[in-house]
Amino acid sequence: MGIKLPAVGPGVDTEAEEREELPPAELEYLDYRVLASQGWELDDEPFEKAARADLDERYYGRIEVDREETLLRSAEAAGLTWASQCRSGTCNVCTSVLDDGEAEMDMNLALTDEQVEDGLRLTCTCYPKSDRLRVLFNAYPLAAEEESGRGREPPVED
């Protein structure tokens, strides 16, 4: 008959044709624990200091992040190990600080609205929305300070 019906059903991406193919975002990352070990403060330009400090790439560096991939999965694909546990936005083990850029979480049951307004993000459910991002990962202490008992404490590293 010449009638073309749209594909429907589970797993069919109905917006795929409408979506613009965006290049990967650039993610500059810094381990939050470095701030304490170096005596740096959040409002003390830690990324500039990290760039001059010759830190190991486990603690500071840059990676490309696919727009359709979470920050956590992108970091793992690049060989990095960031704290995580639930991978579904229900704990706060993977908390990070979005220092610059835009990123959106598709699920968040662990952070308060105020924490999100202050720049905290869960890397397990967070996707880049801008071309460049700056993220302090392993920032669980910032989420835990405000509401004790909310989420889970990350496992201790050996």
C-alpha atoms as a PDB file:
ATOM      1  CA  MET A   1       0.000   0.000   0.000  1.00  0.00           C
ATOM      2  CA  GLY A   2       2.980   2.321   0.317  1.00  0.00           C
ATOM      3  CA  ILE A   3       2.252   3.398   3.909  1.00  0.00           C
ATOM      4  CA  LYS A   4       5.336   3.742   6.075  1.00  0.00           C
ATOM      5  CA  LEU A   5       4.649   3.205   9.786  1.00  0.00           C
ATOM      6  CA  PRO A   6       7.030   4.451  12.461  1.00  0.00           C
ATOM      7  CA  ALA A   7       8.980   1.897  14.472  1.00  0.00           C
ATOM      8  CA  VAL A   8       7.626   1.588  17.987  1.00  0.00           C
ATOM      9  CA  GLY A   9       8.210  -0.670  20.946  1.00  0.00           C
ATOM     10  CA  PRO A  10      10.794  -1.282  23.644  1.00  0.00           C
ATOM     11  CA  GLY A  11      14.287  -0.243  22.692  1.00  0.00           C
ATOM     12  CA  VAL A  12      13.235   1.917  19.746  1.00  0.00           C
ATOM     13  CA  ASP A  13      14.717   5.399  19.956  1.00  0.00           C
ATOM     14  CA  THR A  14      12.020   7.633  18.496  1.00  0.00           C
ATOM     15  CA  GLU A  15      14.160  10.765  18.907  1.00  0.00           C
ATOM     16  CA  ALA A  16      17.291   9.404  17.196  1.00  0.00           C
ATOM     17  CA  GLU A  17      16.602  11.127  13.875  1.00  0.00           C
ATOM     18  CA  GLU A  18      15.858  14.447  15.576  1.00  0.00           C
ATOM     19  CA  ARG A  19      19.011  14.461  17.731  1.00  0.00           C
ATOM     20  CA  GLU A  20      22.012  16.416  16.581  1.00  0.00           C
ATOM     21  CA  GLU A  21      25.277  14.455  16.626  1.00  0.00           C
ATOM     22  CA  LEU A  22      27.436  16.356  19.122  1.00  0.00           C
ATOM     23  CA  PRO A  23      31.181  15.900  19.512  1.00  0.00           C
ATOM     24  CA  PRO A  24      32.483  14.520  22.806  1.00  0.00           C
ATOM     25  CA  ALA A  25      32.805  16.942  25.699  1.00  0.00           C
ATOM     26  CA  GLU A  26      36.160  17.627  27.327  1.00  0.00           C
ATOM     27  CA  LEU A  27      36.243  16.737  31.019  1.00  0.00           C
ATOM     28  CA  GLU A  28      38.976  18.134  33.226  1.00  0.00           C
ATOM     29  CA  TYR A  29      38.981  16.152  36.461  1.00  0.00           C
ATOM     30  CA  LEU A  30      40.628  16.516  39.855  1.00  0.00           C
ATOM     31  CA  ASP A  31      40.440  14.197  42.863  1.00  0.00           C
ATOM     32  CA  TYR A  32      38.798  16.073  45.754  1.00  0.00           C
ATOM     33  CA  ARG A  33      41.162  14.332  48.189  1.00  0.00           C
ATOM     34  CA  VAL A  34      44.095  16.167  46.578  1.00  0.00           C
ATOM     35  CA  LEU A  35      42.756  19.429  48.008  1.00  0.00           C
ATOM     36  CA  ALA A  36      43.235  18.146  51.569  1.00  0.00           C
ATOM     37  CA  SER A  37      46.616  16.586  50.878  1.00  0.00           C
ATOM     38  CA  GLN A  38      47.895  19.798  49.251  1.00  0.00           C
ATOM     39  CA  GLY A  39      46.197  22.212  51.661  1.00  0.00           C
ATOM     40  CA  TRP A  40      44.075  23.748  48.879  1.00  0.00           C
ATOM     41  CA  GLU A  41      40.556  25.146  49.233  1.00  0.00           C
ATOM     42  CA  LEU A  42      37.609  24.770  46.814  1.00  0.00           C
ATOM     43  CA  ASP A  43      37.520  28.511  46.166  1.00  0.00           C
ATOM     44  CA  ASP A  44      41.305  28.673  45.741  1.00  0.00           C
ATOM     45  CA  GLU A  45      41.517  27.796  41.990  1.00  0.00           C
ATOM     46  CA  PRO A  46      42.386  24.119  42.539  1.00  0.00           C
ATOM     47  CA  PHE A  47      42.409  23.254  38.812  1.00  0.00           C
ATOM     48  CA  GLU A  48      45.040  25.873  38.059  1.00  0.00           C
ATOM     49  CA  LYS A  49      47.136  24.639  40.969  1.00  0.00           C
ATOM     50  CA  ALA A  50      46.701  21.014  39.885  1.00  0.00           C
ATOM     51  CA  ALA A  51      47.870  21.845  36.362  1.00  0.00           C
ATOM     52  CA  ARG A  52      51.124  23.211  37.822  1.00  0.00           C
ATOM     53  CA  ALA A  53      51.562  20.462  40.445  1.00  0.00           C
ATOM     54  CA  ASP A  54      52.542  17.612  38.094  1.00  0.00           C
ATOM     55  CA  LEU A  55      49.981  15.225  39.605  1.00  0.00           C
ATOM     56  CA  ASP A  56      49.575  11.624  38.472  1.00  0.00           C
ATOM     57  CA  GLU A  57      46.780  11.148  35.900  1.00  0.00           C
ATOM     58  CA  ARG A  58      44.803   9.147  38.478  1.00  0.00           C
ATOM     59  CA  TYR A  59      44.291  12.439  40.342  1.00  0.00           C
ATOM     60  CA  TYR A  60      44.236  15.114  37.667  1.00  0.00           C
ATOM     61  CA  GLY A  61      43.872  15.228  33.906  1.00  0.00           C
ATOM     62  CA  ARG A  62      41.558  15.530  30.919  1.00  0.00           C
ATOM     63  CA  ILE A  63      39.461  12.988  29.043  1.00  0.00           C
ATOM     64  CA  GLU A  64      36.849  13.065  26.312  1.00  0.00           C
ATOM     65  CA  VAL A  65      33.321  12.241  27.433  1.00  0.00           C
ATOM     66  CA  ASP A  66      30.681  10.880  25.068  1.00  0.00           C
ATOM     67  CA  ARG A  67      27.485  12.948  25.382  1.00  0.00           C
ATOM     68  CA  GLU A  68      25.415   9.757  25.711  1.00  0.00           C
ATOM     69  CA  GLU A  69      27.589   8.281  28.495  1.00  0.00           C
ATOM     70  CA  THR A  70      27.705   9.080  32.206  1.00  0.00           C
ATOM     71  CA  LEU A  71      30.748  10.812  33.625  1.00  0.00           C
ATOM     72  CA  LEU A  72      31.511   7.729  35.722  1.00  0.00           C
ATOM     73  CA  ARG A  73      31.399   5.294  32.792  1.00  0.00           C
ATOM     74  CA  SER A  74      33.514   7.635  30.675  1.00  0.00           C
ATOM     75  CA  ALA A  75      36.113   7.860  33.437  1.00  0.00           C
ATOM     76  CA  GLU A  76      36.181   4.071  33.746  1.00  0.00           C
ATOM     77  CA  ALA A  77      36.491   3.682  29.965  1.00  0.00           C
ATOM     78  CA  ALA A  78      39.553   5.949  30.189  1.00  0.00           C
ATOM     79  CA  GLY A  79      41.088   3.633  32.796  1.00  0.00           C
ATOM     80  CA  LEU A  80      40.309   5.798  35.833  1.00  0.00           C
ATOM     81  CA  THR A  81      38.951   4.483  39.132  1.00  0.00           C
ATOM     82  CA  TRP A  82      36.404   6.763  40.771  1.00  0.00           C
ATOM     83  CA  ALA A  83      34.402   5.852  43.869  1.00  0.00           C
ATOM     84  CA  SER A  84      30.990   4.374  43.123  1.00  0.00           C
ATOM     85  CA  GLN A  85      28.529   1.895  44.542  1.00  0.00           C
ATOM     86  CA  CYS A  86      24.881   1.881  43.427  1.00  0.00           C
ATOM     87  CA  ARG A  87      25.295   3.246  39.865  1.00  0.00           C
ATOM     88  CA  SER A  88      21.658   4.341  39.940  1.00  0.00           C
ATOM     89  CA  GLY A  89      21.609   7.670  41.809  1.00  0.00           C
ATOM     90  CA  THR A  90      20.432   6.222  45.113  1.00  0.00           C
ATOM     91  CA  CYS A  91      23.600   6.635  47.182  1.00  0.00           C
ATOM     92  CA  ASN A  92      26.091   9.488  47.256  1.00  0.00           C
ATOM     93  CA  VAL A  93      29.376   7.584  47.011  1.00  0.00           C
ATOM     94  CA  CYS A  94      30.130   8.950  43.519  1.00  0.00           C
ATOM     95  CA  THR A  95      29.452  12.587  44.461  1.00  0.00           C
ATOM     96  CA  SER A  96      31.447  15.170  42.548  1.00  0.00           C
ATOM     97  CA  VAL A  97      31.604  18.944  42.421  1.00  0.00           C
ATOM     98  CA  LEU A  98      30.765  20.506  39.066  1.00  0.00           C
ATOM     99  CA  ASP A  99      33.253  23.374  39.137  1.00  0.00           C
ATOM    100  CA  ASP A 100      32.599  24.586  35.587  1.00  0.00           C
ATOM    101  CA  GLY A 101      30.307  23.658  32.703  1.00  0.00           C
ATOM    102  CA  GLU A 102      26.883  22.099  32.574  1.00  0.00           C
ATOM    103  CA  ALA A 103      25.900  18.539  33.406  1.00  0.00           C
ATOM    104  CA  GLU A 104      22.542  16.952  34.067  1.00  0.00           C
ATOM    105  CA  MET A 105      21.609  13.975  36.228  1.00  0.00           C
ATOM    106  CA  ASP A 106      18.871  11.688  34.962  1.00  0.00           C
ATOM    107  CA  MET A 107      18.325  10.282  38.491  1.00  0.00           C
ATOM    108  CA  ASN A 108      19.080  11.673  41.934  1.00  0.00           C
ATOM    109  CA  LEU A 109      17.751  10.179  45.149  1.00  0.00           C
ATOM    110  CA  ALA A 110      20.797  11.003  47.274  1.00  0.00           C
ATOM    111  CA  LEU A 111      21.526  14.729  47.029  1.00  0.00           C
ATOM    112  CA  THR A 112      19.317  17.524  48.324  1.00  0.00           C
ATOM    113  CA  ASP A 113      18.127  20.308  46.021  1.00  0.00           C
ATOM    114  CA  GLU A 114      20.459  22.678  47.855  1.00  0.00           C
ATOM    115  CA  GLN A 115      23.442  20.392  47.238  1.00  0.00           C
ATOM    116  CA  VAL A 116      22.623  20.252  43.529  1.00  0.00           C
ATOM    117  CA  GLU A 117      22.290  24.053  43.449  1.00  0.00           C
ATOM    118  CA  ASP A 118      25.740  24.224  45.085  1.00  0.00           C
ATOM    119  CA  GLY A 119      27.191  22.166  42.218  1.00  0.00           C
ATOM    120  CA  LEU A 120      27.190  18.628  43.584  1.00  0.00           C
ATOM    121  CA  ARG A 121      26.467  15.876  41.054  1.00  0.00           C
ATOM    122  CA  LEU A 122      26.326  12.083  41.057  1.00  0.00           C
ATOM    123  CA  THR A 123      28.765  10.890  38.397  1.00  0.00           C
ATOM    124  CA  CYS A 124      26.874   7.603  37.935  1.00  0.00           C
ATOM    125  CA  THR A 125      23.815   9.383  36.499  1.00  0.00           C
ATOM    126  CA  CYS A 126      25.365  12.596  35.208  1.00  0.00           C
ATOM    127  CA  TYR A 127      25.730  13.464  31.500  1.00  0.00           C
ATOM    128  CA  PRO A 128      27.659  16.382  29.972  1.00  0.00           C
ATOM    129  CA  LYS A 129      25.565  19.204  28.527  1.00  0.00           C
ATOM    130  CA  SER A 130      28.359  21.655  27.688  1.00  0.00           C
ATOM    131  CA  ASP A 131      31.496  21.266  25.575  1.00  0.00           C
ATOM    132  CA  ARG A 132      33.818  21.555  28.575  1.00  0.00           C
ATOM    133  CA  LEU A 133      33.447  20.478  32.189  1.00  0.00           C
ATOM    134  CA  ARG A 134      35.540  20.703  35.324  1.00  0.00           C
ATOM    135  CA  VAL A 135      34.725  18.110  37.978  1.00  0.00           C
ATOM    136  CA  LEU A 136      36.186  17.348  41.394  1.00  0.00           C
ATOM    137  CA  PHE A 137      35.487  13.640  41.850  1.00  0.00           C
ATOM    138  CA  ASN A 138      35.531  11.629  45.119  1.00  0.00           C
ATOM    139  CA  ALA A 139      33.745  14.519  46.836  1.00  0.00           C
ATOM    140  CA  TYR A 140      31.596  12.232  49.006  1.00  0.00           C
ATOM    141  CA  PRO A 141      32.532  14.145  52.208  1.00  0.00           C
ATOM    142  CA  LEU A 142      30.708  17.235  50.929  1.00  0.00           C
ATOM    143  CA  ALA A 143      27.470  15.271  50.486  1.00  0.00           C
ATOM    144  CA  ALA A 144      27.847  13.427  53.781  1.00  0.00           C
ATOM    145  CA  GLU A 145      28.520  16.572  55.838  1.00  0.00           C
ATOM    146  CA  GLU A 146      25.085  18.012  55.278  1.00  0.00           C
ATOM    147  CA  GLU A 147      22.859  15.021  55.966  1.00  0.00           C
ATOM    148  CA  SER A 148      24.463  12.336  58.033  1.00  0.00           C
ATOM    149  CA  GLY A 149      23.276   8.852  57.151  1.00  0.00           C
ATOM    150  CA  ARG A 150      22.040   9.750  53.695  1.00  0.00           C
ATOM    151  CA  GLY A 151      23.732   7.498  51.159  1.00  0.00           C
ATOM    152  CA  ARG A 152      26.638   5.192  51.878  1.00  0.00           C
ATOM    153  CA  GLU A 153      30.213   5.819  52.809  1.00  0.00           C
ATOM    154  CA  PRO A 154      32.643   4.769  50.086  1.00  0.00           C
ATOM    155  CA  PRO A 155      34.837   1.728  50.688  1.00  0.00           C
ATOM    156  CA  VAL A 156      38.235   2.438  52.219  1.00  0.00           C
ATOM    157  CA  GLU A 157      41.124   2.219  49.748  1.00  0.00           C
ATOM    158  CA  ASP A 158      44.092  -0.013  50.567  1.00  0.00           C
END
